PDB file of N, CA and C in Angstrom:
ATOM      1  N   MET A   1     -26.983  30.053  36.249  1.00  0.00           N
ATOM      2  CA  MET A   1     -26.196  28.878  36.538  1.00  0.00           C
ATOM      3  C   MET A   1     -26.784  27.638  35.848  1.00  0.00           C
ATOM      4  N   GLN A   2     -28.081  27.526  35.865  1.00  0.00           N
ATOM      5  CA  GLN A   2     -28.741  26.382  35.218  1.00  0.00           C
ATOM      6  C   GLN A   2     -28.522  26.409  33.706  1.00  0.00           C
ATOM      7  N   LYS A   3     -28.568  27.613  33.104  1.00  0.00           N
ATOM      8  CA  LYS A   3     -28.330  27.728  31.667  1.00  0.00           C
ATOM      9  C   LYS A   3     -26.910  27.291  31.315  1.00  0.00           C
ATOM     10  N   MET A   4     -25.973  27.628  32.189  1.00  0.00           N
ATOM     11  CA  MET A   4     -24.583  27.269  31.955  1.00  0.00           C
ATOM     12  C   MET A   4     -24.402  25.755  31.974  1.00  0.00           C
ATOM     13  N   ARG A   5     -25.022  25.089  32.917  1.00  0.00           N
ATOM     14  CA  ARG A   5     -24.950  23.624  32.993  1.00  0.00           C
ATOM     15  C   ARG A   5     -25.605  22.984  31.776  1.00  0.00           C
ATOM     16  N   THR A   6     -26.746  23.506  31.388  1.00  0.00           N
ATOM     17  CA  THR A   6     -27.441  22.969  30.233  1.00  0.00           C
ATOM     18  C   THR A   6     -26.581  23.112  28.984  1.00  0.00           C
ATOM     19  N   ARG A   7     -25.956  24.287  28.809  1.00  0.00           N
ATOM     20  CA  ARG A   7     -25.100  24.514  27.659  1.00  0.00           C
ATOM     21  C   ARG A   7     -23.892  23.576  27.689  1.00  0.00           C
ATOM     22  N   MET A   8     -23.313  23.376  28.875  1.00  0.00           N
ATOM     23  CA  MET A   8     -22.162  22.486  29.008  1.00  0.00           C
ATOM     24  C   MET A   8     -22.552  21.055  28.637  1.00  0.00           C
ATOM     25  N   TRP A   9     -23.683  20.588  29.135  1.00  0.00           N
ATOM     26  CA  TRP A   9     -24.130  19.229  28.813  1.00  0.00           C
ATOM     27  C   TRP A   9     -24.461  19.091  27.326  1.00  0.00           C
ATOM     28  N   THR A  10     -25.023  20.137  26.748  1.00  0.00           N
ATOM     29  CA  THR A  10     -25.336  20.113  25.320  1.00  0.00           C
ATOM     30  C   THR A  10     -24.054  20.013  24.504  1.00  0.00           C
ATOM     31  N   GLN A  11     -23.046  20.766  24.905  1.00  0.00           N
ATOM     32  CA  GLN A  11     -21.768  20.712  24.200  1.00  0.00           C
ATOM     33  C   GLN A  11     -21.108  19.344  24.367  1.00  0.00           C
ATOM     34  N   CYS A  12     -21.139  18.805  25.559  1.00  0.00           N
ATOM     35  CA  CYS A  12     -20.566  17.469  25.791  1.00  0.00           C
ATOM     36  C   CYS A  12     -21.284  16.420  24.950  1.00  0.00           C
ATOM     37  N   LEU A  13     -22.601  16.521  24.914  1.00  0.00           N
ATOM     38  CA  LEU A  13     -23.375  15.585  24.119  1.00  0.00           C
ATOM     39  C   LEU A  13     -23.023  15.725  22.636  1.00  0.00           C
ATOM     40  N   GLY A  14     -22.844  16.954  22.176  1.00  0.00           N
ATOM     41  CA  GLY A  14     -22.463  17.185  20.780  1.00  0.00           C
ATOM     42  C   GLY A  14     -21.120  16.571  20.457  1.00  0.00           C
ATOM     43  N   VAL A  15     -20.158  16.709  21.361  1.00  0.00           N
ATOM     44  CA  VAL A  15     -18.829  16.128  21.153  1.00  0.00           C
ATOM     45  C   VAL A  15     -18.921  14.609  21.131  1.00  0.00           C
ATOM     46  N   LEU A  16     -19.681  14.027  22.039  1.00  0.00           N
ATOM     47  CA  LEU A  16     -19.848  12.575  22.072  1.00  0.00           C
ATOM     48  C   LEU A  16     -20.487  12.061  20.781  1.00  0.00           C
ATOM     49  N   LEU A  17     -21.485  12.751  20.300  1.00  0.00           N
ATOM     50  CA  LEU A  17     -22.129  12.330  19.062  1.00  0.00           C
ATOM     51  C   LEU A  17     -21.167  12.453  17.880  1.00  0.00           C
ATOM     52  N   LEU A  18     -20.358  13.498  17.884  1.00  0.00           N
ATOM     53  CA  LEU A  18     -19.378  13.674  16.818  1.00  0.00           C
ATOM     54  C   LEU A  18     -18.358  12.544  16.840  1.00  0.00           C
ATOM     55  N   VAL A  19     -17.849  12.220  18.018  1.00  0.00           N
ATOM     56  CA  VAL A  19     -16.867  11.141  18.144  1.00  0.00           C
ATOM     57  C   VAL A  19     -17.492   9.808  17.749  1.00  0.00           C
ATOM     58  N   ALA A  20     -18.712   9.566  18.177  1.00  0.00           N
ATOM     59  CA  ALA A  20     -19.393   8.320  17.824  1.00  0.00           C
ATOM     60  C   ALA A  20     -19.603   8.227  16.315  1.00  0.00           C
ATOM     61  N   GLY A  21     -19.933   9.333  15.685  1.00  0.00           N
ATOM     62  CA  GLY A  21     -20.111   9.346  14.239  1.00  0.00           C
ATOM     63  C   GLY A  21     -18.818   9.075  13.509  1.00  0.00           C
ATOM     64  N   LEU A  22     -17.716   9.655  13.990  1.00  0.00           N
ATOM     65  CA  LEU A  22     -16.425   9.409  13.359  1.00  0.00           C
ATOM     66  C   LEU A  22     -15.994   7.972  13.525  1.00  0.00           C
ATOM     67  N   ALA A  23     -16.249   7.406  14.694  1.00  0.00           N
ATOM     68  CA  ALA A  23     -15.858   6.015  14.937  1.00  0.00           C
ATOM     69  C   ALA A  23     -16.639   5.066  14.049  1.00  0.00           C
ATOM     70  N   SER A  24     -17.917   5.342  13.840  1.00  0.00           N
ATOM     71  CA  SER A  24     -18.704   4.442  13.002  1.00  0.00           C
ATOM     72  C   SER A  24     -18.379   4.633  11.526  1.00  0.00           C
ATOM     73  N   ALA A  25     -17.862   5.798  11.154  1.00  0.00           N
ATOM     74  CA  ALA A  25     -17.509   6.047   9.751  1.00  0.00           C
ATOM     75  C   ALA A  25     -16.132   5.505   9.400  1.00  0.00           C
ATOM     76  N   ALA A  26     -15.330   5.185  10.412  1.00  0.00           N
ATOM     77  CA  ALA A  26     -13.980   4.670  10.154  1.00  0.00           C
ATOM     78  C   ALA A  26     -14.081   3.294   9.507  1.00  0.00           C
ATOM     79  N   PRO A  27     -13.267   3.031   8.478  1.00  0.00           N
ATOM     80  CA  PRO A  27     -13.325   1.717   7.820  1.00  0.00           C
ATOM     81  C   PRO A  27     -12.822   0.619   8.743  1.00  0.00           C
ATOM     82  N   SER A  28     -13.390  -0.542   8.591  1.00  0.00           N
ATOM     83  CA  SER A  28     -12.932  -1.679   9.373  1.00  0.00           C
ATOM     84  C   SER A  28     -11.595  -2.152   8.838  1.00  0.00           C
ATOM     85  N   GLU A  29     -10.948  -3.037   9.567  1.00  0.00           N
ATOM     86  CA  GLU A  29      -9.669  -3.571   9.106  1.00  0.00           C
ATOM     87  C   GLU A  29      -9.836  -4.287   7.779  1.00  0.00           C
ATOM     88  N   GLU A  30     -10.961  -4.985   7.609  1.00  0.00           N
ATOM     89  CA  GLU A  30     -11.204  -5.669   6.348  1.00  0.00           C
ATOM     90  C   GLU A  30     -11.311  -4.663   5.214  1.00  0.00           C
ATOM     91  N   GLY A  31     -12.016  -3.583   5.442  1.00  0.00           N
ATOM     92  CA  GLY A  31     -12.172  -2.555   4.426  1.00  0.00           C
ATOM     93  C   GLY A  31     -10.851  -1.892   4.083  1.00  0.00           C
ATOM     94  N   GLN A  32      -9.957  -1.756   5.057  1.00  0.00           N
ATOM     95  CA  GLN A  32      -8.668  -1.144   4.802  1.00  0.00           C
ATOM     96  C   GLN A  32      -7.840  -2.003   3.858  1.00  0.00           C
ATOM     97  N   ASP A  33      -7.910  -3.314   3.999  1.00  0.00           N
ATOM     98  CA  ASP A  33      -7.160  -4.187   3.104  1.00  0.00           C
ATOM     99  C   ASP A  33      -7.622  -4.002   1.661  1.00  0.00           C
ATOM    100  N   VAL A  34      -8.914  -3.842   1.476  1.00  0.00           N
ATOM    101  CA  VAL A  34      -9.455  -3.683   0.141  1.00  0.00           C
ATOM    102  C   VAL A  34      -9.001  -2.359  -0.450  1.00  0.00           C
ATOM    103  N   VAL A  35      -9.023  -1.296   0.345  1.00  0.00           N
ATOM    104  CA  VAL A  35      -8.645   0.030  -0.136  1.00  0.00           C
ATOM    105  C   VAL A  35      -7.153   0.096  -0.438  1.00  0.00           C
ATOM    106  N   GLN A  36      -6.332  -0.476   0.420  1.00  0.00           N
ATOM    107  CA  GLN A  36      -4.895  -0.374   0.267  1.00  0.00           C
ATOM    108  C   GLN A  36      -4.345  -1.297  -0.809  1.00  0.00           C
ATOM    109  N   GLY A  37      -5.025  -2.356  -1.100  1.00  0.00           N
ATOM    110  CA  GLY A  37      -4.533  -3.291  -2.092  1.00  0.00           C
ATOM    111  C   GLY A  37      -3.555  -4.270  -1.481  1.00  0.00           C
ATOM    112  N   PRO A  38      -2.941  -5.069  -2.325  1.00  0.00           N
ATOM    113  CA  PRO A  38      -2.029  -6.090  -1.796  1.00  0.00           C
ATOM    114  C   PRO A  38      -0.774  -5.466  -1.208  1.00  0.00           C
ATOM    115  N   LEU A  39      -0.247  -6.107  -0.189  1.00  0.00           N
ATOM    116  CA  LEU A  39       0.979  -5.622   0.437  1.00  0.00           C
ATOM    117  C   LEU A  39       2.204  -6.244  -0.192  1.00  0.00           C
ATOM    118  N   THR A  40       2.013  -7.319  -0.951  1.00  0.00           N
ATOM    119  CA  THR A  40       3.129  -7.960  -1.634  1.00  0.00           C
ATOM    120  C   THR A  40       2.768  -8.160  -3.094  1.00  0.00           C
ATOM    121  N   VAL A  41       3.809  -8.340  -3.890  1.00  0.00           N
ATOM    122  CA  VAL A  41       3.589  -8.552  -5.311  1.00  0.00           C
ATOM    123  C   VAL A  41       4.616  -9.547  -5.823  1.00  0.00           C
ATOM    124  N   ASN A  42       4.161 -10.460  -6.670  1.00  0.00           N
ATOM    125  CA  ASN A  42       5.056 -11.417  -7.292  1.00  0.00           C
ATOM    126  C   ASN A  42       5.649 -10.750  -8.525  1.00  0.00           C
ATOM    127  N   ILE A  43       6.936 -10.454  -8.482  1.00  0.00           N
ATOM    128  CA  ILE A  43       7.573  -9.722  -9.578  1.00  0.00           C
ATOM    129  C   ILE A  43       7.723 -10.573 -10.833  1.00  0.00           C
ATOM    130  N   ASN A  44       7.472 -11.860 -10.740  1.00  0.00           N
ATOM    131  CA  ASN A  44       7.529 -12.730 -11.911  1.00  0.00           C
ATOM    132  C   ASN A  44       6.183 -12.881 -12.610  1.00  0.00           C
ATOM    133  N   GLU A  45       5.118 -12.401 -11.998  1.00  0.00           N
ATOM    134  CA  GLU A  45       3.789 -12.596 -12.571  1.00  0.00           C
ATOM    135  C   GLU A  45       2.996 -11.304 -12.744  1.00  0.00           C
ATOM    136  N   ALA A  46       3.273 -10.289 -11.950  1.00  0.00           N
ATOM    137  CA  ALA A  46       2.449  -9.078 -11.936  1.00  0.00           C
ATOM    138  C   ALA A  46       2.643  -8.234 -13.185  1.00  0.00           C
ATOM    139  N   ASN A  47       1.572  -7.532 -13.558  1.00  0.00           N
ATOM    140  CA  ASN A  47       1.681  -6.592 -14.671  1.00  0.00           C
ATOM    141  C   ASN A  47       2.257  -5.267 -14.163  1.00  0.00           C
ATOM    142  N   ALA A  48       2.547  -4.358 -15.073  1.00  0.00           N
ATOM    143  CA  ALA A  48       3.195  -3.099 -14.710  1.00  0.00           C
ATOM    144  C   ALA A  48       2.342  -2.264 -13.765  1.00  0.00           C
ATOM    145  N   GLU A  49       1.046  -2.241 -13.972  1.00  0.00           N
ATOM    146  CA  GLU A  49       0.166  -1.445 -13.109  1.00  0.00           C
ATOM    147  C   GLU A  49       0.208  -1.933 -11.670  1.00  0.00           C
ATOM    148  N   THR A  50       0.192  -3.231 -11.480  1.00  0.00           N
ATOM    149  CA  THR A  50       0.234  -3.798 -10.132  1.00  0.00           C
ATOM    150  C   THR A  50       1.589  -3.535  -9.483  1.00  0.00           C
ATOM    151  N   LEU A  51       2.657  -3.718 -10.226  1.00  0.00           N
ATOM    152  CA  LEU A  51       3.993  -3.445  -9.683  1.00  0.00           C
ATOM    153  C   LEU A  51       4.102  -1.990  -9.225  1.00  0.00           C
ATOM    154  N   ALA A  52       3.627  -1.073 -10.046  1.00  0.00           N
ATOM    155  CA  ALA A  52       3.699   0.352  -9.706  1.00  0.00           C
ATOM    156  C   ALA A  52       2.847   0.684  -8.486  1.00  0.00           C
ATOM    157  N   ALA A  53       1.722   0.007  -8.339  1.00  0.00           N
ATOM    158  CA  ALA A  53       0.828   0.280  -7.220  1.00  0.00           C
ATOM    159  C   ALA A  53       1.382  -0.228  -5.895  1.00  0.00           C
ATOM    160  N   VAL A  54       2.114  -1.328  -5.928  1.00  0.00           N
ATOM    161  CA  VAL A  54       2.557  -1.961  -4.684  1.00  0.00           C
ATOM    162  C   VAL A  54       3.961  -1.533  -4.275  1.00  0.00           C
ATOM    163  N   LEU A  55       4.854  -1.375  -5.214  1.00  0.00           N
ATOM    164  CA  LEU A  55       6.252  -1.100  -4.880  1.00  0.00           C
ATOM    165  C   LEU A  55       6.497   0.399  -4.694  1.00  0.00           C
ATOM    166  N   GLU A  56       7.106   0.746  -3.587  1.00  0.00           N
ATOM    167  CA  GLU A  56       7.440   2.139  -3.294  1.00  0.00           C
ATOM    168  C   GLU A  56       8.578   2.611  -4.187  1.00  0.00           C
ATOM    169  N   GLY A  57       8.442   3.795  -4.745  1.00  0.00           N
ATOM    170  CA  GLY A  57       9.496   4.366  -5.563  1.00  0.00           C
ATOM    171  C   GLY A  57       9.542   3.815  -6.971  1.00  0.00           C
ATOM    172  N   ILE A  58       8.551   3.026  -7.340  1.00  0.00           N
ATOM    173  CA  ILE A  58       8.470   2.442  -8.681  1.00  0.00           C
ATOM    174  C   ILE A  58       7.220   2.995  -9.351  1.00  0.00           C
ATOM    175  N   GLY A  59       7.428   3.806 -10.368  1.00  0.00           N
ATOM    176  CA  GLY A  59       6.308   4.332 -11.134  1.00  0.00           C
ATOM    177  C   GLY A  59       5.970   3.399 -12.279  1.00  0.00           C
ATOM    178  N   LEU A  60       5.023   3.818 -13.083  1.00  0.00           N
ATOM    179  CA  LEU A  60       4.552   2.973 -14.179  1.00  0.00           C
ATOM    180  C   LEU A  60       5.648   2.712 -15.217  1.00  0.00           C
ATOM    181  N   THR A  61       6.478   3.710 -15.499  1.00  0.00           N
ATOM    182  CA  THR A  61       7.556   3.522 -16.480  1.00  0.00           C
ATOM    183  C   THR A  61       8.571   2.498 -16.005  1.00  0.00           C
ATOM    184  N   ARG A  62       8.987   2.600 -14.744  1.00  0.00           N
ATOM    185  CA  ARG A  62       9.960   1.656 -14.194  1.00  0.00           C
ATOM    186  C   ARG A  62       9.337   0.273 -14.055  1.00  0.00           C
ATOM    187  N   ALA A  63       8.062   0.223 -13.697  1.00  0.00           N
ATOM    188  CA  ALA A  63       7.377  -1.065 -13.591  1.00  0.00           C
ATOM    189  C   ALA A  63       7.303  -1.750 -14.958  1.00  0.00           C
ATOM    190  N   GLN A  64       7.073  -0.975 -15.997  1.00  0.00           N
ATOM    191  CA  GLN A  64       7.051  -1.555 -17.338  1.00  0.00           C
ATOM    192  C   GLN A  64       8.439  -2.063 -17.718  1.00  0.00           C
ATOM    193  N   ALA A  65       9.483  -1.376 -17.245  1.00  0.00           N
ATOM    194  CA  ALA A  65      10.853  -1.839 -17.496  1.00  0.00           C
ATOM    195  C   ALA A  65      11.101  -3.185 -16.826  1.00  0.00           C
ATOM    196  N   ILE A  66      10.515  -3.392 -15.649  1.00  0.00           N
ATOM    197  CA  ILE A  66      10.627  -4.691 -14.969  1.00  0.00           C
ATOM    198  C   ILE A  66       9.961  -5.774 -15.808  1.00  0.00           C
ATOM    199  N   VAL A  67       8.763  -5.502 -16.291  1.00  0.00           N
ATOM    200  CA  VAL A  67       8.032  -6.473 -17.111  1.00  0.00           C
ATOM    201  C   VAL A  67       8.810  -6.765 -18.397  1.00  0.00           C
ATOM    202  N   ASP A  68       9.336  -5.719 -19.032  1.00  0.00           N
ATOM    203  CA  ASP A  68      10.102  -5.908 -20.266  1.00  0.00           C
ATOM    204  C   ASP A  68      11.358  -6.730 -20.022  1.00  0.00           C
ATOM    205  N   TYR A  69      12.051  -6.456 -18.926  1.00  0.00           N
ATOM    206  CA  TYR A  69      13.263  -7.206 -18.581  1.00  0.00           C
ATOM    207  C   TYR A  69      12.916  -8.677 -18.358  1.00  0.00           C
ATOM    208  N   ARG A  70      11.839  -8.900 -17.633  1.00  0.00           N
ATOM    209  CA  ARG A  70      11.396 -10.268 -17.341  1.00  0.00           C
ATOM    210  C   ARG A  70      11.030 -11.006 -18.630  1.00  0.00           C
ATOM    211  N   THR A  71      10.413 -10.309 -19.562  1.00  0.00           N
ATOM    212  CA  THR A  71      10.045 -10.915 -20.839  1.00  0.00           C
ATOM    213  C   THR A  71      11.288 -11.276 -21.640  1.00  0.00           C
ATOM    214  N   GLN A  72      12.267 -10.401 -21.607  1.00  0.00           N
ATOM    215  CA  GLN A  72      13.479 -10.612 -22.395  1.00  0.00           C
ATOM    216  C   GLN A  72      14.417 -11.643 -21.778  1.00  0.00           C
ATOM    217  N   PHE A  73      14.598 -11.603 -20.456  1.00  0.00           N
ATOM    218  CA  PHE A  73      15.620 -12.431 -19.816  1.00  0.00           C
ATOM    219  C   PHE A  73      15.069 -13.565 -18.948  1.00  0.00           C
ATOM    220  N   GLY A  74      13.781 -13.621 -18.761  1.00  0.00           N
ATOM    221  CA  GLY A  74      13.209 -14.681 -17.937  1.00  0.00           C
ATOM    222  C   GLY A  74      12.954 -14.232 -16.504  1.00  0.00           C
ATOM    223  N   ARG A  75      12.528 -15.171 -15.696  1.00  0.00           N
ATOM    224  CA  ARG A  75      12.101 -14.877 -14.330  1.00  0.00           C
ATOM    225  C   ARG A  75      13.233 -14.381 -13.443  1.00  0.00           C
ATOM    226  N   PHE A  76      12.838 -13.724 -12.360  1.00  0.00           N
ATOM    227  CA  PHE A  76      13.772 -13.293 -11.321  1.00  0.00           C
ATOM    228  C   PHE A  76      13.862 -14.399 -10.283  1.00  0.00           C
ATOM    229  N   TYR A  77      15.058 -14.656  -9.809  1.00  0.00           N
ATOM    230  CA  TYR A  77      15.255 -15.667  -8.771  1.00  0.00           C
ATOM    231  C   TYR A  77      15.492 -15.050  -7.399  1.00  0.00           C
ATOM    232  N   SER A  78      15.724 -13.739  -7.379  1.00  0.00           N
ATOM    233  CA  SER A  78      15.860 -13.023  -6.110  1.00  0.00           C
ATOM    234  C   SER A  78      15.459 -11.572  -6.328  1.00  0.00           C
ATOM    235  N   ALA A  79      15.090 -10.916  -5.258  1.00  0.00           N
ATOM    236  CA  ALA A  79      14.713  -9.505  -5.347  1.00  0.00           C
ATOM    237  C   ALA A  79      15.902  -8.658  -5.802  1.00  0.00           C
ATOM    238  N   GLU A  80      17.084  -9.042  -5.396  1.00  0.00           N
ATOM    239  CA  GLU A  80      18.281  -8.287  -5.729  1.00  0.00           C
ATOM    240  C   GLU A  80      18.534  -8.220  -7.237  1.00  0.00           C
ATOM    241  N   GLU A  81      18.014  -9.196  -7.985  1.00  0.00           N
ATOM    242  CA  GLU A  81      18.175  -9.199  -9.439  1.00  0.00           C
ATOM    243  C   GLU A  81      17.480  -8.011 -10.099  1.00  0.00           C
ATOM    244  N   LEU A  82      16.572  -7.360  -9.387  1.00  0.00           N
ATOM    245  CA  LEU A  82      15.921  -6.174  -9.938  1.00  0.00           C
ATOM    246  C   LEU A  82      16.917  -5.059 -10.234  1.00  0.00           C
ATOM    247  N   SER A  83      18.084  -5.110  -9.600  1.00  0.00           N
ATOM    248  CA  SER A  83      19.090  -4.076  -9.850  1.00  0.00           C
ATOM    249  C   SER A  83      19.606  -4.129 -11.291  1.00  0.00           C
ATOM    250  N   ALA A  84      19.354  -5.224 -12.002  1.00  0.00           N
ATOM    251  CA  ALA A  84      19.733  -5.323 -13.407  1.00  0.00           C
ATOM    252  C   ALA A  84      18.811  -4.485 -14.299  1.00  0.00           C
ATOM    253  N   VAL A  85      17.666  -4.107 -13.770  1.00  0.00           N
ATOM    254  CA  VAL A  85      16.727  -3.272 -14.523  1.00  0.00           C
ATOM    255  C   VAL A  85      17.190  -1.821 -14.400  1.00  0.00           C
ATOM    256  N   ARG A  86      17.355  -1.180 -15.539  1.00  0.00           N
ATOM    257  CA  ARG A  86      17.859   0.185 -15.545  1.00  0.00           C
ATOM    258  C   ARG A  86      16.974   1.103 -14.701  1.00  0.00           C
ATOM    259  N   GLY A  87      17.610   1.847 -13.806  1.00  0.00           N
ATOM    260  CA  GLY A  87      16.896   2.797 -12.966  1.00  0.00           C
ATOM    261  C   GLY A  87      16.464   2.266 -11.619  1.00  0.00           C
ATOM    262  N   ILE A  88      16.732   1.008 -11.338  1.00  0.00           N
ATOM    263  CA  ILE A  88      16.366   0.443 -10.039  1.00  0.00           C
ATOM    264  C   ILE A  88      17.646   0.142  -9.284  1.00  0.00           C
ATOM    265  N   GLY A  89      17.811   0.831  -8.172  1.00  0.00           N
ATOM    266  CA  GLY A  89      19.006   0.663  -7.366  1.00  0.00           C
ATOM    267  C   GLY A  89      18.760  -0.163  -6.126  1.00  0.00           C
ATOM    268  N   THR A  90      19.818  -0.415  -5.398  1.00  0.00           N
ATOM    269  CA  THR A  90      19.709  -1.250  -4.202  1.00  0.00           C
ATOM    270  C   THR A  90      18.860  -0.594  -3.116  1.00  0.00           C
ATOM    271  N   SER A  91      18.860   0.732  -3.034  1.00  0.00           N
ATOM    272  CA  SER A  91      18.036   1.370  -1.999  1.00  0.00           C
ATOM    273  C   SER A  91      16.549   1.140  -2.264  1.00  0.00           C
ATOM    274  N   THR A  92      16.150   1.184  -3.525  1.00  0.00           N
ATOM    275  CA  THR A  92      14.749   0.914  -3.871  1.00  0.00           C
ATOM    276  C   THR A  92      14.403  -0.542  -3.584  1.00  0.00           C
ATOM    277  N   ILE A  93      15.317  -1.426  -3.893  1.00  0.00           N
ATOM    278  CA  ILE A  93      15.086  -2.852  -3.631  1.00  0.00           C
ATOM    279  C   ILE A  93      14.975  -3.086  -2.123  1.00  0.00           C
ATOM    280  N   ASN A  94      15.892  -2.538  -1.358  1.00  0.00           N
ATOM    281  CA  ASN A  94      15.871  -2.730   0.099  1.00  0.00           C
ATOM    282  C   ASN A  94      14.599  -2.173   0.720  1.00  0.00           C
ATOM    283  N   ARG A  95      14.132  -1.046   0.223  1.00  0.00           N
ATOM    284  CA  ARG A  95      12.906  -0.441   0.741  1.00  0.00           C
ATOM    285  C   ARG A  95      11.691  -1.335   0.480  1.00  0.00           C
ATOM    286  N   ASN A  96      11.752  -2.163  -0.555  1.00  0.00           N
ATOM    287  CA  ASN A  96      10.618  -2.986  -0.966  1.00  0.00           C
ATOM    288  C   ASN A  96      10.767  -4.471  -0.677  1.00  0.00           C
ATOM    289  N   LEU A  97      11.806  -4.873   0.013  1.00  0.00           N
ATOM    290  CA  LEU A  97      12.042  -6.309   0.243  1.00  0.00           C
ATOM    291  C   LEU A  97      10.832  -7.025   0.835  1.00  0.00           C
ATOM    292  N   SER A  98      10.156  -6.382   1.762  1.00  0.00           N
ATOM    293  CA  SER A  98       9.006  -7.042   2.389  1.00  0.00           C
ATOM    294  C   SER A  98       7.802  -7.109   1.454  1.00  0.00           C
ATOM    295  N   ARG A  99       7.811  -6.368   0.371  1.00  0.00           N
ATOM    296  CA  ARG A  99       6.695  -6.344  -0.565  1.00  0.00           C
ATOM    297  C   ARG A  99       6.908  -7.274  -1.763  1.00  0.00           C
ATOM    298  N   ILE A 100       8.147  -7.729  -1.971  1.00  0.00           N
ATOM    299  CA  ILE A 100       8.494  -8.491  -3.160  1.00  0.00           C
ATOM    300  C   ILE A 100       8.363  -9.990  -2.909  1.00  0.00           C
ATOM    301  N   GLN A 101       7.606 -10.647  -3.785  1.00  0.00           N
ATOM    302  CA  GLN A 101       7.500 -12.104  -3.785  1.00  0.00           C
ATOM    303  C   GLN A 101       8.161 -12.607  -5.057  1.00  0.00           C
ATOM    304  N   ILE A 102       8.807 -13.754  -4.969  1.00  0.00           N
ATOM    305  CA  ILE A 102       9.495 -14.337  -6.120  1.00  0.00           C
ATOM    306  C   ILE A 102       8.733 -15.521  -6.684  1.00  0.00           C
ATOM    307  N   ASP A 103       8.275 -16.404  -5.825  1.00  0.00           N
ATOM    308  CA  ASP A 103       7.586 -17.607  -6.306  1.00  0.00           C
ATOM    309  C   ASP A 103       6.083 -17.429  -6.236  1.00  0.00           C
ATOM    310  N   GLY A 104       5.375 -18.430  -6.636  1.00  0.00           N
ATOM    311  CA  GLY A 104       3.917 -18.375  -6.645  1.00  0.00           C
ATOM    312  C   GLY A 104       3.285 -18.728  -5.313  1.00  0.00           C
ATOM    313  N   HIS A 105       4.079 -18.993  -4.290  1.00  0.00           N
ATOM    314  CA  HIS A 105       3.556 -19.385  -2.990  1.00  0.00           C
ATOM    315  C   HIS A 105       3.578 -18.192  -2.062  1.00  0.00           C
ATOM    316  N   PHE A 106       2.385 -17.628  -1.814  1.00  0.00           N
ATOM    317  CA  PHE A 106       2.301 -16.468  -0.927  1.00  0.00           C
ATOM    318  C   PHE A 106       2.148 -16.975   0.448  1.00  0.00           C
TER     319      PHE A 106
END
């Protein structure tokens, strides 16, 4: 009976140490921001790599198309104007509305 209690306490202690180790290894909220990157992007200033990293459903090729369109036709005045870029539809724009910035004031 004593061996059983000792084994039970040893197992409980092992679980507690494991949980404590996992909790201390978890990144802080500050660290998560660094790992995840920016949550918004200014579509009038960002390069293709940044656009692709932040916008859902936008790969590097489509992000470069945004940059090329902006270079050719000038700045965007609304997120909805992204639909003028070939391959970007309203569903992609709607999915990213909270991530898209237009002006330089974040």
